[in-house]
Amino acid sequence: MNERKITVAYAAKVLNKCQQFVRVGLQRGTLPIGIAEKMPNSSKYTYYISPKLLEEFSGYKIKEKGSEKNG
């Protein structure tokens, strides 16, 4: 598996949940697939989702780079 950016939308699709579920889970630290960091002087967050942790948590094999656009 190549290290690549996993979006909130892709993680939500893999988990069969809505994007808000993934965002809130990362913000609260209850979804063990990555982290959410609050941006300085802002109410917005940035997210990092680990492909390895997402695979381990979901049991779903993450496809290679570029596959996100294909399905």
C-alpha atoms as a PDB file:
ATOM      1  CA  MET A   1       0.000   0.000   0.000  1.00  0.00           C
ATOM      2  CA  ASN A   2       1.393   3.404  -0.930  1.00  0.00           C
ATOM      3  CA  GLU A   3       1.052   6.241   1.575  1.00  0.00           C
ATOM      4  CA  ARG A   4      -1.425   8.720   0.160  1.00  0.00           C
ATOM      5  CA  LYS A   5      -3.919  11.311   1.279  1.00  0.00           C
ATOM      6  CA  ILE A   6      -7.173   9.847   2.528  1.00  0.00           C
ATOM      7  CA  THR A   7     -10.014  12.355   2.453  1.00  0.00           C
ATOM      8  CA  VAL A   8     -12.857  12.564   4.948  1.00  0.00           C
ATOM      9  CA  ALA A   9     -15.227  11.708   2.084  1.00  0.00           C
ATOM     10  CA  TYR A  10     -13.276   8.549   1.198  1.00  0.00           C
ATOM     11  CA  ALA A  11     -13.065   7.425   4.838  1.00  0.00           C
ATOM     12  CA  ALA A  12     -16.813   7.979   5.225  1.00  0.00           C
ATOM     13  CA  LYS A  13     -17.452   5.847   2.142  1.00  0.00           C
ATOM     14  CA  VAL A  14     -15.207   3.054   3.453  1.00  0.00           C
ATOM     15  CA  LEU A  15     -16.927   3.150   6.860  1.00  0.00           C
ATOM     16  CA  ASN A  16     -20.405   3.472   5.329  1.00  0.00           C
ATOM     17  CA  LYS A  17     -21.008   6.578   7.447  1.00  0.00           C
ATOM     18  CA  CYS A  18     -21.590  10.242   6.710  1.00  0.00           C
ATOM     19  CA  GLN A  19     -18.694  12.695   6.502  1.00  0.00           C
ATOM     20  CA  GLN A  20     -19.862  14.474   9.658  1.00  0.00           C
ATOM     21  CA  PHE A  21     -19.514  11.189  11.602  1.00  0.00           C
ATOM     22  CA  VAL A  22     -15.862  10.976  10.530  1.00  0.00           C
ATOM     23  CA  ARG A  23     -15.136  14.648  11.287  1.00  0.00           C
ATOM     24  CA  VAL A  24     -16.690  14.564  14.761  1.00  0.00           C
ATOM     25  CA  GLY A  25     -15.105  11.215  15.588  1.00  0.00           C
ATOM     26  CA  LEU A  26     -11.669  12.557  14.688  1.00  0.00           C
ATOM     27  CA  GLN A  27     -12.258  15.818  16.581  1.00  0.00           C
ATOM     28  CA  ARG A  28     -13.339  13.952  19.732  1.00  0.00           C
ATOM     29  CA  GLY A  29     -10.624  11.325  19.415  1.00  0.00           C
ATOM     30  CA  THR A  30     -13.178   8.504  19.398  1.00  0.00           C
ATOM     31  CA  LEU A  31     -12.465   7.331  15.844  1.00  0.00           C
ATOM     32  CA  PRO A  32      -9.000   5.718  15.863  1.00  0.00           C
ATOM     33  CA  ILE A  33      -8.104   6.308  12.217  1.00  0.00           C
ATOM     34  CA  GLY A  34      -6.268   9.624  12.400  1.00  0.00           C
ATOM     35  CA  ILE A  35      -6.305  13.071  13.939  1.00  0.00           C
ATOM     36  CA  ALA A  36      -8.091  16.400  13.711  1.00  0.00           C
ATOM     37  CA  GLU A  37      -6.160  19.598  14.400  1.00  0.00           C
ATOM     38  CA  LYS A  38      -7.851  22.921  14.987  1.00  0.00           C
ATOM     39  CA  MET A  39      -6.343  25.643  12.824  1.00  0.00           C
ATOM     40  CA  PRO A  40      -4.720  28.538  14.724  1.00  0.00           C
ATOM     41  CA  ASN A  41      -7.014  31.527  15.264  1.00  0.00           C
ATOM     42  CA  SER A  42      -9.887  29.713  13.548  1.00  0.00           C
ATOM     43  CA  SER A  43     -12.846  27.465  14.241  1.00  0.00           C
ATOM     44  CA  LYS A  44     -11.852  25.217  11.317  1.00  0.00           C
ATOM     45  CA  TYR A  45     -10.084  21.857  11.503  1.00  0.00           C
ATOM     46  CA  THR A  46      -7.645  20.019   9.288  1.00  0.00           C
ATOM     47  CA  TYR A  47      -7.722  16.221   9.208  1.00  0.00           C
ATOM     48  CA  TYR A  48      -5.156  13.478   8.734  1.00  0.00           C
ATOM     49  CA  ILE A  49      -6.470   9.962   8.138  1.00  0.00           C
ATOM     50  CA  SER A  50      -3.936   7.150   8.149  1.00  0.00           C
ATOM     51  CA  PRO A  51      -4.462   4.590   5.383  1.00  0.00           C
ATOM     52  CA  LYS A  52      -3.036   1.868   7.647  1.00  0.00           C
ATOM     53  CA  LEU A  53      -5.288   2.750  10.609  1.00  0.00           C
ATOM     54  CA  LEU A  54      -8.335   3.014   8.339  1.00  0.00           C
ATOM     55  CA  GLU A  55      -7.583  -0.458   6.926  1.00  0.00           C
ATOM     56  CA  GLU A  56      -7.107  -1.943  10.391  1.00  0.00           C
ATOM     57  CA  PHE A  57     -10.249  -0.328  11.813  1.00  0.00           C
ATOM     58  CA  SER A  58     -12.532  -1.040   8.861  1.00  0.00           C
ATOM     59  CA  GLY A  59     -11.121  -4.319   7.583  1.00  0.00           C
ATOM     60  CA  TYR A  60     -11.328  -2.790   4.090  1.00  0.00           C
ATOM     61  CA  LYS A  61      -8.266  -2.930   1.831  1.00  0.00           C
ATOM     62  CA  ILE A  62      -7.469   0.639   0.808  1.00  0.00           C
ATOM     63  CA  LYS A  63      -6.966   0.857  -2.945  1.00  0.00           C
ATOM     64  CA  GLU A  64      -3.816   2.217  -4.532  1.00  0.00           C
ATOM     65  CA  LYS A  65      -3.265   5.883  -5.327  1.00  0.00           C
ATOM     66  CA  GLY A  66      -5.744   7.293  -7.815  1.00  0.00           C
ATOM     67  CA  SER A  67      -8.404   4.707  -7.020  1.00  0.00           C
ATOM     68  CA  GLU A  68     -10.428   7.160  -4.949  1.00  0.00           C
ATOM     69  CA  LYS A  69     -11.592   8.846  -8.146  1.00  0.00           C
ATOM     70  CA  ASN A  70     -12.476   5.480  -9.694  1.00  0.00           C
ATOM     71  CA  GLY A  71     -14.799   4.320  -7.027  1.00  0.00           C
END
